[in-house]
Structure formats: C-alpha cells, structure tokens
Amino acid sequence: MKKIVVKGLFFVVLIFIGISIDKRLNKSYETEKRERKLVFQERVIPTEKLDINIATKEEFLEKNVSLSKYEKIKEYIDIVGGVEKIEDLIIIKGFGEKTIESLKEKFYTEGNINRKKLYINKATDKELLYFGFTKKEIEKIKKFKEENKIVYSNLDLLKILERDRYNEFKDYIMYTKYN
C-alpha cells in the first residue's frame, strides 16, 4: 500500500510540475506574441498624421502613398512653396476625390505656407494651374502674351483677370525678374 501511495504522490508531483512549466511557457509565448504585434504595428501601420509639407519620401511610402503620387505632391510643393489645404491637391493630374480623402486621413497641413513668387511671363501652364489659375484664365494669359509679348504690370493682369481673382494673386505675381 505504501508503494501505491508513494507512486501516486510521485505522479501528482510530476503533474503539478508539468502544469507549472506549461503555464510559464505559455505566459512567455503570449508575452512574446504581444511584443511582436506591437513592433509590427509601429513599423507597418503608423497611426499618427504627418505634415504633408515636411514628410519625407519614406514617410509617404510608409503611409502607402505610391511613389508617383509622392513625386507629384513634391513637385507641387516645389512649385508653389507648400500645401495650404490638402484639398488644393485636387488640381494635380490623376488626383480625384478618393485620393484627396485618403491623403486627408494620413496627412495634415498647418495652412500657413511661404508661397513662392510666380514669374508670370516665364510660368508654364502647370505652374499657373498649381498657383490656382483656371484653365480659362491660363488661356487668357497665353492669348495676352501672344498679342503683347509679355504681361508688363498689375494693370495688364487686371485686363486679363476679374478684380477679385486679381486680388487673390497680386501678392505673389512677379512680372520681371527684378520686381
């Protein structure tokens, strides 16, 4: 009988040790799994919005913005001086409402940019468009330049644009390199 009790006790001790070891291993496995999940989330799915005017190429790519869209946004920023509102990017060829909404979820802008000067007599159609001129206004500018060679001053620009539109552009339009 003593042998059976000793064997039974030995068996119970082995079961107890096995359960204890299993709990420790399982706890260690769960901890490691949780830590890996956190590292993965930090690396792959950044949750905070970034300032679109200063975000790097790598940050755009981490936010799942394609390289071509990144290049178009950076070209816009280089030409204009920055993005005042994400919605302004709608004028970029290939950007629709869906793209703008996606960008708004990932980026923000402070709104106060240092808008570059636009030399209206040397500006391309794309530069004029990015500065906010409509296609119709761009055509009027081109026609005026064909007839008069250049836009000499704000008086000429007033002949091309409506007064309220002129007032939107007057602070950053340059007519010669020496203004």
Protein backbone atom coordinates (compact mmCIF):
# COMPACT_ATOMS: atom_id res chain seq x y z
CA MET A 1 0.00 0.00 0.00
CA LYS A 2 2.87 2.30 0.83
CA LYS A 3 4.28 1.72 -2.65
CA ILE A 4 0.99 2.75 -4.26
CA VAL A 5 0.76 5.92 -2.15
CA VAL A 6 4.37 6.86 -2.95
CA LYS A 7 3.80 6.19 -6.67
CA GLY A 8 0.54 8.18 -6.56
CA LEU A 9 2.22 11.05 -4.74
CA PHE A 10 5.12 10.97 -7.19
CA PHE A 11 2.62 11.05 -10.08
CA VAL A 12 0.76 14.05 -8.57
CA VAL A 13 4.05 15.93 -8.10
CA LEU A 14 5.00 15.26 -11.74
CA ILE A 15 1.61 16.55 -12.93
CA PHE A 16 1.95 19.65 -10.75
CA ILE A 17 5.46 20.37 -12.12
CA GLY A 18 4.24 19.81 -15.70
CA ILE A 19 1.32 22.25 -15.25
CA SER A 20 3.62 24.84 -13.68
CA ILE A 21 6.13 24.60 -16.54
CA ASP A 22 3.32 24.73 -19.14
CA LYS A 23 1.91 27.93 -17.58
CA ARG A 24 5.33 29.59 -17.62
CA LEU A 25 5.99 28.62 -21.23
CA ASN A 26 2.52 29.74 -22.31
CA LYS A 27 2.90 33.07 -20.47
CA SER A 28 6.28 33.63 -22.11
CA TYR A 29 4.82 32.75 -25.53
CA GLU A 30 1.87 35.15 -25.08
CA THR A 31 4.20 37.96 -23.95
CA GLU A 32 6.49 37.44 -26.94
CA LYS A 33 3.48 37.33 -29.27
CA ARG A 34 2.13 40.62 -27.85
CA GLU A 35 5.55 42.31 -28.17
CA ARG A 36 5.91 41.18 -31.79
CA LYS A 37 2.45 42.52 -32.58
CA LEU A 38 3.33 45.92 -31.10
CA VAL A 39 6.60 46.11 -33.05
CA PHE A 40 4.78 45.14 -36.24
CA GLN A 41 2.13 47.83 -35.70
CA GLU A 42 4.75 50.51 -35.03
CA ARG A 43 6.69 49.61 -38.15
CA VAL A 44 3.97 48.95 -40.67
CA ILE A 45 0.88 50.84 -39.58
CA PRO A 46 1.79 54.28 -38.22
CA THR A 47 -1.36 55.82 -36.79
CA GLU A 48 -0.48 59.49 -36.48
CA LYS A 49 -0.95 62.06 -39.25
CA LEU A 50 2.09 63.77 -40.74
CA ASP A 51 2.56 67.32 -42.01
CA ILE A 52 2.40 66.88 -45.79
CA ASN A 53 4.79 69.81 -46.34
CA ILE A 54 7.67 68.24 -44.43
CA ALA A 55 7.01 64.48 -44.69
CA THR A 56 9.86 62.51 -46.24
CA LYS A 57 9.66 60.12 -49.15
CA GLU A 58 9.97 57.19 -46.74
CA GLU A 59 7.10 58.51 -44.61
CA PHE A 60 4.87 58.85 -47.68
CA LEU A 61 5.68 55.28 -48.68
CA GLU A 62 5.05 54.04 -45.09
CA LYS A 63 1.60 55.66 -45.34
CA ASN A 64 1.00 53.61 -48.52
CA VAL A 65 1.20 56.61 -50.87
CA SER A 66 2.59 55.47 -54.21
CA LEU A 67 5.93 56.81 -55.41
CA SER A 68 4.28 58.55 -58.39
CA LYS A 69 1.77 60.35 -56.14
CA TYR A 70 4.58 61.34 -53.76
CA GLU A 71 6.57 62.78 -56.69
CA LYS A 72 3.55 64.78 -57.93
CA ILE A 73 2.91 66.19 -54.44
CA LYS A 74 6.56 67.16 -54.02
CA GLU A 75 6.56 68.81 -57.47
CA TYR A 76 3.51 70.84 -56.39
CA ILE A 77 5.26 71.84 -53.15
CA ASP A 78 8.44 72.81 -55.04
CA ILE A 79 6.48 74.98 -57.47
CA VAL A 80 4.05 76.67 -55.07
CA GLY A 81 6.01 76.62 -51.83
CA GLY A 82 3.72 74.28 -49.91
CA VAL A 83 0.24 72.88 -49.49
CA GLU A 84 -2.21 75.22 -47.72
CA LYS A 85 -5.09 72.71 -47.71
CA ILE A 86 -4.98 69.06 -48.73
CA GLU A 87 -7.97 69.80 -50.99
CA ASP A 88 -5.73 72.09 -53.10
CA LEU A 89 -4.03 68.98 -54.48
CA ILE A 90 -7.17 68.12 -56.49
CA ILE A 91 -5.69 70.13 -59.39
CA ILE A 92 -2.87 67.61 -59.78
CA LYS A 93 -3.49 65.40 -62.78
CA GLY A 94 -4.61 61.95 -61.63
CA PHE A 95 -5.82 63.11 -58.19
CA GLY A 96 -9.54 62.67 -57.58
CA GLU A 97 -11.80 62.89 -54.55
CA LYS A 98 -10.81 59.39 -53.41
CA THR A 99 -7.10 60.29 -53.41
CA ILE A 100 -7.76 63.54 -51.55
CA GLU A 101 -9.83 61.76 -48.88
CA SER A 102 -7.09 59.15 -48.46
CA LEU A 103 -4.44 61.88 -48.09
CA LYS A 104 -6.59 63.74 -45.53
CA GLU A 105 -6.67 60.57 -43.39
CA LYS A 106 -2.87 60.34 -43.40
CA PHE A 107 -1.64 63.96 -43.54
CA TYR A 108 -2.41 67.42 -42.28
CA THR A 109 -1.13 70.89 -43.09
CA GLU A 110 -0.59 73.91 -40.90
CA GLY A 111 -2.09 76.10 -43.62
CA ASN A 112 0.46 78.90 -43.34
CA ILE A 113 2.92 78.38 -46.15
CA ASN A 114 5.56 80.66 -47.58
CA ARG A 115 4.10 80.85 -51.08
CA LYS A 116 6.76 81.33 -53.72
CA LYS A 117 6.68 84.18 -56.23
CA LEU A 118 5.35 83.38 -59.67
CA TYR A 119 7.07 84.99 -62.64
CA ILE A 120 4.01 85.15 -64.84
CA ASN A 121 5.90 85.74 -68.10
CA LYS A 122 8.06 82.63 -67.63
CA ALA A 123 5.48 80.38 -65.96
CA THR A 124 4.38 77.14 -67.61
CA ASP A 125 0.74 76.11 -67.81
CA LYS A 126 1.37 73.62 -64.98
CA GLU A 127 2.86 76.33 -62.75
CA LEU A 128 -0.08 78.64 -63.43
CA LEU A 129 -2.51 75.81 -62.70
CA TYR A 130 -0.72 74.87 -59.46
CA PHE A 131 -0.85 78.51 -58.34
CA GLY A 132 -4.62 78.40 -58.74
CA PHE A 133 -5.34 79.87 -62.17
CA THR A 134 -8.23 78.25 -64.01
CA LYS A 135 -7.73 76.77 -67.47
CA LYS A 136 -9.76 79.63 -68.91
CA GLU A 137 -7.53 82.20 -67.17
CA ILE A 138 -4.42 80.41 -68.41
CA GLU A 139 -5.75 80.63 -71.96
CA LYS A 140 -6.40 84.37 -71.50
CA ILE A 141 -2.84 84.87 -70.20
CA LYS A 142 -1.39 82.99 -73.17
CA LYS A 143 -3.51 85.00 -75.62
CA PHE A 144 -2.48 88.27 -73.96
CA LYS A 145 1.19 87.29 -74.18
CA GLU A 146 0.82 86.33 -77.86
CA GLU A 147 -0.65 89.75 -78.62
CA ASN A 148 1.56 91.87 -76.33
CA LYS A 149 4.72 89.74 -75.87
CA ILE A 150 4.61 89.98 -72.04
CA VAL A 151 2.42 90.95 -69.12
CA TYR A 152 4.10 94.20 -68.02
CA SER A 153 2.35 95.02 -64.76
CA ASN A 154 -0.63 94.60 -62.50
CA LEU A 155 -2.61 96.83 -64.88
CA ASP A 156 -2.16 94.22 -67.61
CA LEU A 157 -3.11 91.45 -65.23
CA LEU A 158 -6.29 93.37 -64.37
CA LYS A 159 -7.18 93.33 -68.08
CA ILE A 160 -6.87 89.53 -68.04
CA LEU A 161 -8.50 88.66 -64.70
CA GLU A 162 -11.56 89.77 -62.81
CA ARG A 163 -10.74 92.12 -59.92
CA ASP A 164 -11.49 89.54 -57.19
CA ARG A 165 -9.27 86.97 -58.90
CA TYR A 166 -6.54 89.58 -59.39
CA ASN A 167 -6.68 90.31 -55.64
CA GLU A 168 -6.06 86.62 -54.92
CA PHE A 169 -2.83 86.63 -56.97
CA LYS A 170 -1.42 90.17 -56.68
CA ASP A 171 0.86 89.47 -53.69
CA TYR A 172 2.93 86.77 -55.35
CA ILE A 173 2.85 87.61 -59.07
CA MET A 174 6.10 88.98 -60.47
CA TYR A 175 6.35 90.48 -63.93
CA THR A 176 10.12 90.60 -64.36
CA LYS A 177 12.99 89.00 -62.52
CA TYR A 178 13.80 92.38 -60.97
CA ASN A 179 10.50 93.07 -59.12
